[in-house]
Protein backbone atom coordinates (compact mmCIF):
# COMPACT_ATOMS: atom_id res chain seq x y z
CA MET A 1 -32.94 -8.04 -45.01
CA ASN A 2 -29.75 -9.24 -43.35
CA LEU A 3 -30.35 -12.67 -41.76
CA PHE A 4 -27.30 -12.35 -39.50
CA ARG A 5 -28.01 -8.94 -37.99
CA SER A 6 -28.66 -10.23 -34.45
CA SER A 7 -26.72 -13.49 -34.59
CA VAL A 8 -23.09 -12.26 -34.49
CA PRO A 9 -22.71 -12.85 -30.70
CA VAL A 10 -24.28 -16.31 -31.09
CA LEU A 11 -21.86 -17.19 -33.89
CA ALA A 12 -18.92 -15.90 -31.83
CA LYS A 13 -19.95 -18.15 -28.95
CA ARG A 14 -20.27 -21.17 -31.24
CA PHE A 15 -16.94 -20.52 -32.91
CA LEU A 16 -15.21 -20.14 -29.55
CA PHE A 17 -16.80 -23.09 -27.75
CA SER A 18 -17.59 -25.42 -30.64
CA LYS A 19 -17.28 -29.12 -29.78
CA TYR A 20 -16.16 -29.89 -33.31
CA SER A 21 -13.18 -27.54 -33.37
CA ASP A 22 -9.66 -28.82 -33.72
CA GLY A 23 -8.42 -29.95 -30.30
CA PHE A 24 -5.10 -28.21 -30.81
CA LEU A 25 -6.92 -24.95 -31.60
CA SER A 26 -8.94 -25.25 -28.38
CA PHE A 27 -5.71 -25.83 -26.46
CA ILE A 28 -4.16 -22.68 -27.97
CA ALA A 29 -7.29 -20.70 -27.08
CA TRP A 30 -7.06 -21.80 -23.44
CA VAL A 31 -3.36 -20.95 -23.42
CA SER A 32 -4.34 -17.44 -24.50
CA VAL A 33 -6.92 -17.26 -21.74
CA LEU A 34 -4.31 -18.44 -19.23
CA GLY A 35 -1.80 -15.85 -20.44
CA VAL A 36 -4.28 -13.01 -19.93
CA ALA A 37 -5.31 -14.45 -16.55
CA LEU A 38 -1.71 -14.66 -15.32
CA GLY A 39 -0.99 -11.07 -16.31
CA VAL A 40 -4.16 -9.75 -14.66
CA MET A 41 -3.56 -11.87 -11.55
CA ALA A 42 0.01 -10.57 -11.22
CA LEU A 43 -1.14 -6.97 -11.56
CA THR A 44 -3.95 -7.51 -9.03
CA VAL A 45 -1.71 -9.16 -6.43
CA VAL A 46 1.24 -6.78 -6.77
CA THR A 47 -0.97 -3.68 -6.73
CA SER A 48 -2.79 -4.94 -3.63
CA VAL A 49 0.54 -5.75 -1.92
CA ILE A 50 1.91 -2.26 -2.55
CA ASN A 51 -1.37 -0.68 -1.42
CA GLY A 52 -1.32 -2.82 1.72
CA PHE A 53 2.29 -1.90 2.43
CA GLU A 54 1.54 1.80 2.01
CA ASN A 55 -1.64 1.59 4.10
CA GLU A 56 0.20 -0.21 6.91
CA LEU A 57 2.90 2.46 6.96
CA VAL A 58 0.27 5.21 7.08
CA ARG A 59 -1.49 3.42 9.94
CA VAL A 60 1.72 3.15 11.96
CA ILE A 61 2.89 6.71 11.26
CA THR A 62 -0.45 8.30 12.15
CA GLY A 63 -0.78 5.91 15.10
CA MET A 64 2.57 7.13 16.40
CA ASN A 65 2.52 10.86 15.60
CA GLY A 66 -1.06 11.71 14.74
CA GLU A 67 -1.95 13.22 11.38
CA VAL A 68 -0.10 16.52 11.91
CA LEU A 69 3.02 17.14 13.98
CA LEU A 70 3.83 20.64 15.27
CA TYR A 71 7.36 20.78 16.66
CA SER A 72 10.18 23.10 17.64
CA ILE A 73 13.45 23.25 15.70
CA GLY A 74 15.09 25.29 18.45
CA GLU A 75 14.70 25.34 22.21
CA PRO A 76 11.87 23.39 23.89
CA ILE A 77 8.51 25.15 23.90
CA ARG A 78 7.37 27.01 27.01
CA GLU A 79 3.75 27.21 28.17
CA PRO A 80 2.38 24.32 26.08
CA ASP A 81 -1.23 24.97 27.18
CA SER A 82 -1.28 28.38 25.50
CA VAL A 83 0.14 26.82 22.31
CA ILE A 84 -2.61 24.19 22.34
CA GLN A 85 -5.26 26.91 22.63
CA GLU A 86 -3.70 28.75 19.71
CA VAL A 87 -3.65 25.57 17.61
CA ARG A 88 -7.36 25.01 18.26
CA LYS A 89 -8.08 28.52 16.99
CA VAL A 90 -6.09 27.95 13.81
CA LEU A 91 -7.42 24.40 13.29
CA PRO A 92 -11.07 24.10 14.34
CA GLU A 93 -11.03 20.61 12.78
CA ALA A 94 -8.47 19.40 15.35
CA VAL A 95 -10.17 16.63 17.35
CA ALA A 96 -7.37 16.09 19.87
CA ILE A 97 -3.92 17.47 20.67
CA THR A 98 -1.30 15.93 22.93
CA PRO A 99 2.10 17.40 23.90
CA SER A 100 5.27 15.36 24.28
CA PHE A 101 8.98 15.76 24.91
CA MET A 102 11.40 13.89 22.65
CA THR A 103 15.17 13.64 22.93
CA GLU A 104 17.91 11.33 21.75
CA LEU A 105 20.00 9.44 24.29
CA MET A 106 21.72 6.14 25.00
CA ALA A 107 20.07 3.17 26.64
CA GLY A 108 22.05 0.51 28.49
CA GLY A 109 20.56 -2.92 29.09
CA PRO A 110 21.69 -6.31 30.38
CA LYS A 111 23.28 -7.22 27.03
CA SER A 112 24.32 -4.04 25.23
CA VAL A 113 24.00 -0.30 24.77
CA ALA A 114 22.01 1.27 21.91
CA GLY A 115 20.96 4.68 20.70
CA ALA A 116 17.33 5.50 21.39
CA VAL A 117 14.68 8.21 21.32
CA LEU A 118 13.04 9.00 24.65
CA GLN A 119 9.46 10.21 24.29
CA GLY A 120 7.64 11.67 27.24
CA PHE A 121 3.87 11.44 26.74
CA GLU A 122 0.90 13.03 28.47
CA PRO A 123 -1.21 10.09 29.78
CA SER A 124 -4.49 12.04 29.84
CA THR A 125 -4.48 12.98 26.12
CA MET A 126 -2.14 10.52 24.39
CA GLY A 127 -4.84 7.91 23.71
CA GLN A 128 -6.99 10.50 21.91
CA VAL A 129 -4.32 11.09 19.26
CA ASN A 130 -2.17 8.00 18.77
CA GLU A 131 -2.47 4.22 19.14
CA ILE A 132 0.55 3.51 21.33
CA GLN A 133 -1.57 2.20 24.20
CA ASN A 134 -3.29 -0.20 21.78
CA ARG A 135 0.03 -1.66 20.60
CA ILE A 136 1.31 -3.00 23.92
CA LEU A 137 2.90 -6.39 23.34
CA SER A 138 3.23 -7.21 27.04
CA GLY A 139 2.93 -5.35 30.34
CA ARG A 140 1.61 -1.80 30.37
CA LEU A 141 2.55 1.80 29.72
CA PRO A 142 4.55 3.59 32.44
CA MET A 143 2.65 5.41 35.18
CA ALA A 144 5.32 6.14 37.83
CA PRO A 145 8.40 8.39 37.33
CA LEU A 146 10.97 5.55 37.13
CA GLU A 147 9.02 3.35 34.70
CA VAL A 148 9.48 3.02 30.94
CA ALA A 149 8.09 1.02 28.03
CA LEU A 150 10.41 -0.10 25.24
CA GLY A 151 9.92 -0.77 21.57
CA SER A 152 10.01 -4.53 21.04
CA ALA A 153 13.05 -4.49 18.73
CA LEU A 154 14.96 -2.13 21.05
CA ALA A 155 14.23 -4.41 24.00
CA GLU A 156 15.66 -7.31 22.02
CA LYS A 157 18.82 -5.33 21.30
CA LEU A 158 19.29 -4.43 24.94
CA GLY A 159 18.34 -7.88 26.20
CA ALA A 160 15.63 -6.32 28.36
CA LEU A 161 12.35 -7.94 29.34
CA GLU A 162 9.36 -6.81 31.31
CA GLY A 163 10.67 -6.20 34.83
CA SER A 164 14.28 -5.60 33.74
CA GLU A 165 16.28 -2.58 34.85
CA ILE A 166 17.98 -0.38 32.24
CA ARG A 167 19.92 2.88 32.29
CA LEU A 168 19.04 6.05 30.40
CA ILE A 169 22.19 8.03 29.57
CA VAL A 170 22.29 11.62 28.29
CA PRO A 171 25.95 12.12 27.30
CA PHE A 172 25.69 15.85 26.48
CA THR A 173 23.87 18.16 28.88
CA GLY A 174 24.88 21.50 27.40
CA ASP A 175 27.58 22.15 29.96
CA GLU A 176 31.01 20.76 29.13
CA LYS A 177 31.93 20.46 32.82
CA SER A 178 28.75 18.61 33.77
CA PRO A 179 28.92 14.81 33.77
CA PRO A 180 26.47 12.76 31.68
CA LYS A 181 23.05 12.25 33.23
CA VAL A 182 22.21 8.67 34.11
CA LEU A 183 18.84 7.40 35.30
CA LYS A 184 18.01 3.83 36.30
CA VAL A 185 14.49 2.85 35.29
CA GLN A 186 12.39 -0.30 35.23
CA VAL A 187 10.83 -1.75 32.08
CA VAL A 188 7.10 -2.23 32.69
CA GLY A 189 5.97 -2.90 29.13
CA LEU A 190 6.94 -3.69 25.55
CA VAL A 191 5.35 -1.88 22.59
CA ARG A 192 5.17 -3.09 19.00
CA MET A 193 3.95 -0.42 16.60
CA GLY A 194 4.61 -2.62 13.58
CA MET A 195 7.29 -0.43 12.00
CA TYR A 196 10.93 -1.29 12.67
CA GLU A 197 12.06 2.34 12.71
CA TYR A 198 9.85 2.96 15.74
CA ASP A 199 10.14 -0.43 17.44
CA SER A 200 13.94 -0.33 17.36
CA LYS A 201 14.43 3.19 18.77
CA TYR A 202 11.64 4.44 21.01
CA ILE A 203 11.44 4.49 24.81
CA PHE A 204 8.19 5.75 26.34
CA MET A 205 8.03 7.57 29.65
CA THR A 206 5.54 9.94 31.30
CA LEU A 207 5.97 13.59 30.33
CA ASP A 208 6.54 14.95 33.83
CA ALA A 209 9.19 12.27 34.49
CA VAL A 210 11.10 13.23 31.32
CA GLN A 211 10.88 16.93 32.20
CA ARG A 212 12.33 16.30 35.65
CA PHE A 213 15.05 14.01 34.29
CA LEU A 214 16.17 16.61 31.73
CA ASN A 215 15.53 19.58 34.01
CA GLN A 216 13.03 21.08 31.57
CA PRO A 217 9.98 21.90 33.74
CA ASP A 218 6.73 22.65 31.87
CA ARG A 219 8.43 22.41 28.47
CA VAL A 220 7.71 20.21 25.46
CA THR A 221 9.24 19.69 22.03
CA ASN A 222 6.22 18.82 19.87
CA PHE A 223 2.44 18.45 19.63
CA SER A 224 0.69 15.55 17.89
CA ILE A 225 -2.67 16.46 16.34
CA ARG A 226 -5.60 14.28 15.30
CA LEU A 227 -8.02 15.79 12.75
CA GLU A 228 -11.65 15.13 11.94
CA ARG A 229 -12.20 12.30 9.50
CA GLY A 230 -11.82 13.43 5.89
CA LYS A 231 -9.94 16.65 6.68
CA SER A 232 -6.72 17.33 4.75
CA ALA A 233 -3.57 16.92 6.84
CA VAL A 234 -1.54 18.74 4.18
CA ARG A 235 -3.70 21.88 4.38
CA ALA A 236 -3.71 21.76 8.17
CA ALA A 237 0.09 21.59 8.30
CA ASP A 238 0.40 24.47 5.83
CA ARG A 239 -1.94 26.63 7.93
CA LEU A 240 0.04 25.92 11.09
CA THR A 241 3.33 26.69 9.36
CA GLY A 242 1.92 29.97 8.05
CA HIS A 243 0.52 30.98 11.44
CA PHE A 244 3.39 30.07 13.78
CA SER A 245 6.80 31.66 13.43
CA TYR A 246 10.25 30.38 14.41
CA PRO A 247 11.00 27.99 16.07
CA PHE A 248 7.75 26.19 15.12
CA ARG A 249 7.41 23.89 12.12
CA ALA A 250 4.51 21.65 11.09
CA LYS A 251 4.49 18.49 9.01
CA ASP A 252 1.69 16.21 7.91
CA TRP A 253 2.08 12.42 8.13
CA GLY A 254 3.14 12.22 4.46
CA LYS A 255 6.04 14.67 4.85
CA LEU A 256 7.34 12.80 7.89
CA ASN A 257 8.40 10.04 5.49
CA ARG A 258 8.20 11.82 2.15
CA ASN A 259 11.10 9.98 0.52
CA LEU A 260 9.66 6.61 1.47
CA PHE A 261 6.19 7.33 0.08
CA SER A 262 7.67 8.84 -3.09
CA ALA A 263 9.68 5.65 -3.59
CA ILE A 264 6.54 3.55 -3.08
CA GLN A 265 4.64 5.53 -5.73
CA LEU A 266 7.55 5.21 -8.16
CA GLU A 267 7.78 1.47 -7.55
CA LYS A 268 4.05 1.10 -8.14
CA VAL A 269 4.31 2.79 -11.55
CA VAL A 270 7.40 0.85 -12.62
CA ILE A 271 6.02 -2.52 -11.51
CA ALA A 272 2.69 -1.82 -13.21
CA ILE A 273 4.50 -1.05 -16.49
CA ILE A 274 6.59 -4.22 -16.24
CA LEU A 275 3.64 -6.45 -15.42
CA THR A 276 1.54 -4.90 -18.18
CA ALA A 277 4.08 -6.44 -20.55
CA ILE A 278 2.75 -9.85 -19.45
CA VAL A 279 -0.72 -8.88 -20.66
CA ILE A 280 0.73 -7.55 -23.92
CA VAL A 281 2.57 -10.84 -24.47
CA ALA A 282 -0.70 -12.64 -23.83
CA ALA A 283 -2.27 -10.41 -26.49
CA PHE A 284 0.11 -11.90 -29.06
CA ASN A 285 -1.28 -15.28 -28.10
CA VAL A 286 -4.76 -13.93 -28.81
CA VAL A 287 -3.60 -12.78 -32.25
CA SER A 288 -2.12 -16.19 -33.05
CA THR A 289 -5.28 -17.93 -31.80
CA LEU A 290 -7.50 -15.78 -34.02
CA MET A 291 -5.26 -16.33 -37.04
CA MET A 292 -5.40 -20.10 -36.52
CA MET A 293 -9.15 -19.92 -36.00
CA ILE A 294 -9.58 -17.97 -39.23
CA HIS A 295 -7.64 -20.67 -41.05
CA ASP A 296 -9.66 -23.41 -39.33
CA LYS A 297 -13.02 -21.76 -40.01
CA THR A 298 -12.29 -20.66 -43.58
CA LYS A 299 -15.07 -22.76 -45.10
CA GLU A 300 -17.65 -21.77 -42.48
CA VAL A 301 -16.91 -18.06 -42.89
CA ALA A 302 -17.04 -18.34 -46.67
CA ILE A 303 -20.44 -20.06 -46.53
CA LEU A 304 -21.73 -17.36 -44.19
CA LYS A 305 -20.52 -14.64 -46.57
CA ALA A 306 -22.14 -16.40 -49.52
CA MET A 307 -25.41 -16.37 -47.53
CA GLY A 308 -25.20 -12.61 -46.96
CA PHE A 309 -22.79 -12.23 -44.06
CA ARG A 310 -21.36 -8.73 -44.50
CA PRO A 311 -17.65 -7.82 -44.14
CA ASN A 312 -18.35 -5.61 -41.11
CA GLN A 313 -20.19 -8.49 -39.47
CA SER A 314 -17.26 -10.86 -39.98
CA PHE A 315 -15.06 -8.14 -38.50
CA GLN A 316 -17.37 -7.91 -35.47
CA LEU A 317 -17.47 -11.72 -35.19
CA PHE A 318 -13.74 -12.16 -34.64
CA CYS A 319 -13.50 -9.04 -32.50
CA LEU A 320 -16.07 -10.59 -30.19
CA ILE A 321 -14.13 -13.87 -30.17
CA GLY A 322 -10.93 -12.07 -29.14
CA LEU A 323 -12.81 -10.02 -26.54
CA GLY A 324 -14.33 -13.25 -25.23
CA ILE A 325 -10.86 -14.70 -24.70
CA GLY A 326 -9.73 -11.48 -23.01
CA ALA A 327 -12.87 -11.27 -20.83
CA VAL A 328 -12.60 -14.87 -19.62
CA GLY A 329 -8.90 -14.41 -18.85
CA THR A 330 -9.57 -11.10 -17.07
CA VAL A 331 -12.30 -12.58 -14.88
CA PHE A 332 -10.18 -15.62 -13.98
CA GLY A 333 -7.16 -13.39 -13.31
CA ILE A 334 -9.01 -10.97 -11.03
CA LEU A 335 -10.76 -13.76 -9.09
CA SER A 336 -7.52 -15.71 -8.62
CA GLY A 337 -5.62 -12.54 -7.66
CA LEU A 338 -8.27 -11.56 -5.09
CA GLY A 339 -8.31 -15.10 -3.74
CA LEU A 340 -4.52 -15.18 -3.36
CA GLY A 341 -4.56 -11.75 -1.76
CA TYR A 342 -7.23 -12.81 0.73
CA LEU A 343 -5.17 -15.89 1.61
CA LEU A 344 -2.03 -13.81 2.18
CA GLU A 345 -3.89 -11.27 4.28
CA LYS A 346 -5.53 -13.84 6.53
CA THR A 347 -2.60 -16.20 7.02
CA ARG A 348 0.34 -13.72 6.84
CA TRP A 349 2.55 -16.71 6.04
CA ILE A 350 5.05 -14.53 4.16
CA ASN A 351 7.35 -12.87 6.71
CA LEU A 352 9.63 -9.96 5.82
CA PRO A 353 12.85 -8.82 7.53
CA PRO A 354 11.52 -5.69 9.29
CA ASP A 355 14.90 -3.93 9.40
CA ILE A 356 14.83 -3.86 5.58
CA TYR A 357 11.13 -3.60 4.70
CA TYR A 358 9.99 -1.51 7.72
CA ILE A 359 7.19 -4.00 8.51
CA GLY A 360 7.48 -7.70 9.29
CA PHE A 361 4.68 -9.17 7.17
CA LEU A 362 3.09 -8.90 3.73
CA SER A 363 -0.07 -6.80 3.98
CA MET A 364 -2.79 -6.59 1.31
CA LEU A 365 -5.29 -3.86 0.47
CA VAL A 366 -7.70 -4.08 -2.49
CA ARG A 367 -8.71 -0.80 -4.09
CA TRP A 368 -11.58 -1.50 -6.43
CA ARG A 369 -10.92 1.51 -8.61
CA GLU A 370 -7.47 0.14 -9.45
CA ILE A 371 -8.94 -3.34 -10.05
CA GLY A 372 -11.38 -1.75 -12.49
CA VAL A 373 -8.52 0.02 -14.27
CA ILE A 374 -6.62 -3.28 -14.56
CA ALA A 375 -9.70 -5.02 -16.00
CA LEU A 376 -10.34 -2.25 -18.53
CA MET A 377 -6.67 -2.20 -19.54
CA ALA A 378 -6.65 -5.97 -20.10
CA LEU A 379 -9.84 -5.81 -22.18
CA LEU A 380 -8.47 -2.89 -24.19
CA VAL A 381 -5.24 -4.76 -24.97
CA ALA A 382 -7.27 -7.84 -25.96
CA PHE A 383 -9.49 -5.73 -28.22
CA ILE A 384 -6.55 -4.04 -29.94
CA SER A 385 -5.02 -7.46 -30.58
CA THR A 386 -8.16 -8.53 -32.46
CA LEU A 387 -8.16 -5.66 -34.95
CA TYR A 388 -5.70 -7.02 -37.52
CA PRO A 389 -7.04 -10.62 -37.68
CA SER A 390 -10.63 -9.32 -37.83
CA TRP A 391 -9.76 -6.84 -40.57
CA LYS A 392 -8.01 -9.57 -42.53
CA VAL A 393 -10.95 -11.97 -42.44
CA SER A 394 -13.38 -9.20 -43.39
CA ARG A 395 -11.47 -8.65 -46.66
CA GLN A 396 -11.50 -12.29 -47.74
CA SER A 397 -13.73 -13.24 -50.65
CA PRO A 398 -16.16 -16.19 -50.23
CA LEU A 399 -14.55 -17.78 -53.34
CA GLU A 400 -11.19 -17.99 -51.58
CA GLY A 401 -12.69 -20.04 -48.78
CA LEU A 402 -14.56 -22.42 -51.07
CA ARG A 403 -11.99 -22.81 -53.82
CA TYR A 404 -10.27 -25.90 -52.40
CA GLU A 405 -13.31 -27.41 -50.66
């Protein structure tokens, strides 16, 4: 009968946390734990930051345009009500649809002139699709024909505040002999969507006011669509594209900024590979710790083998010791990473230049599946690092350990 059949985990715990171990060896063991913890913490924080950044962009894009955008690449669309009915037939999962008219123009304010995008919205259906009315920084959305709301960054460029008067200028009207169209309007509200691309360009005005200003009665340029929860925006856009012919096109929220989201995914992979190197470096510390522990515990292991401790059990013993170091480091790393992420999310004390990073703060989003993958990867690296030292100690003869004692 093997006396040590059920005592390998107990021995591993005693070897790892023995009070009589060399102090320097204990220090090296904690350095190994710290190395694993730092690598896991870095992966946890960076992954959560990228997820938060991506989630914030998705929130802003869908809050601005809905989940699917059906638009015209030619002339403005006539009879928008009949188009909406047709969309509902093609997409039964469409919860809400709102038409709008968008055009590029110039905006002149008290300080300067800037390029802008004028969006005419339908007040009765806009709130069912997007979140513009929930992102008002001050004032309100326009209700009368000569009222507008500005993106917060655009208002700063123009030097306009709530109550200011600005000019909307359409330089090209389609007729070379016609002068540019100019309309004086009053700013009644400022909107901050949270994405610089929108906040620095968009002017919001009621749909009928835009149609009268541009002399486009009962015409729109696009339809924003909100789908039922869980429905695929990609499939919905494909069905709309297949059903409607020229000049209609449909895009889901991902294709509206496809290059940006592709870059985010690429960055996530590259950063994960780079930060995994930290965990691999920490694994070398685990190897060195086990080798030093084998040298320190030579006599104890030899005595155990003389008493019937089998080679496979000595192999398991040091594998468990290495896994213990990796497990403690992984737990500390994940807990510290989640704690730091929670602190960043609640305080938002790290500000970003929005004209470079699209959003003005560092957002966090924890995805537990990815945290689980990080933990398993760290434990796997720690286990692989234990194989050689464990194999080496399993091949030692008891006589070698007791020869010089």
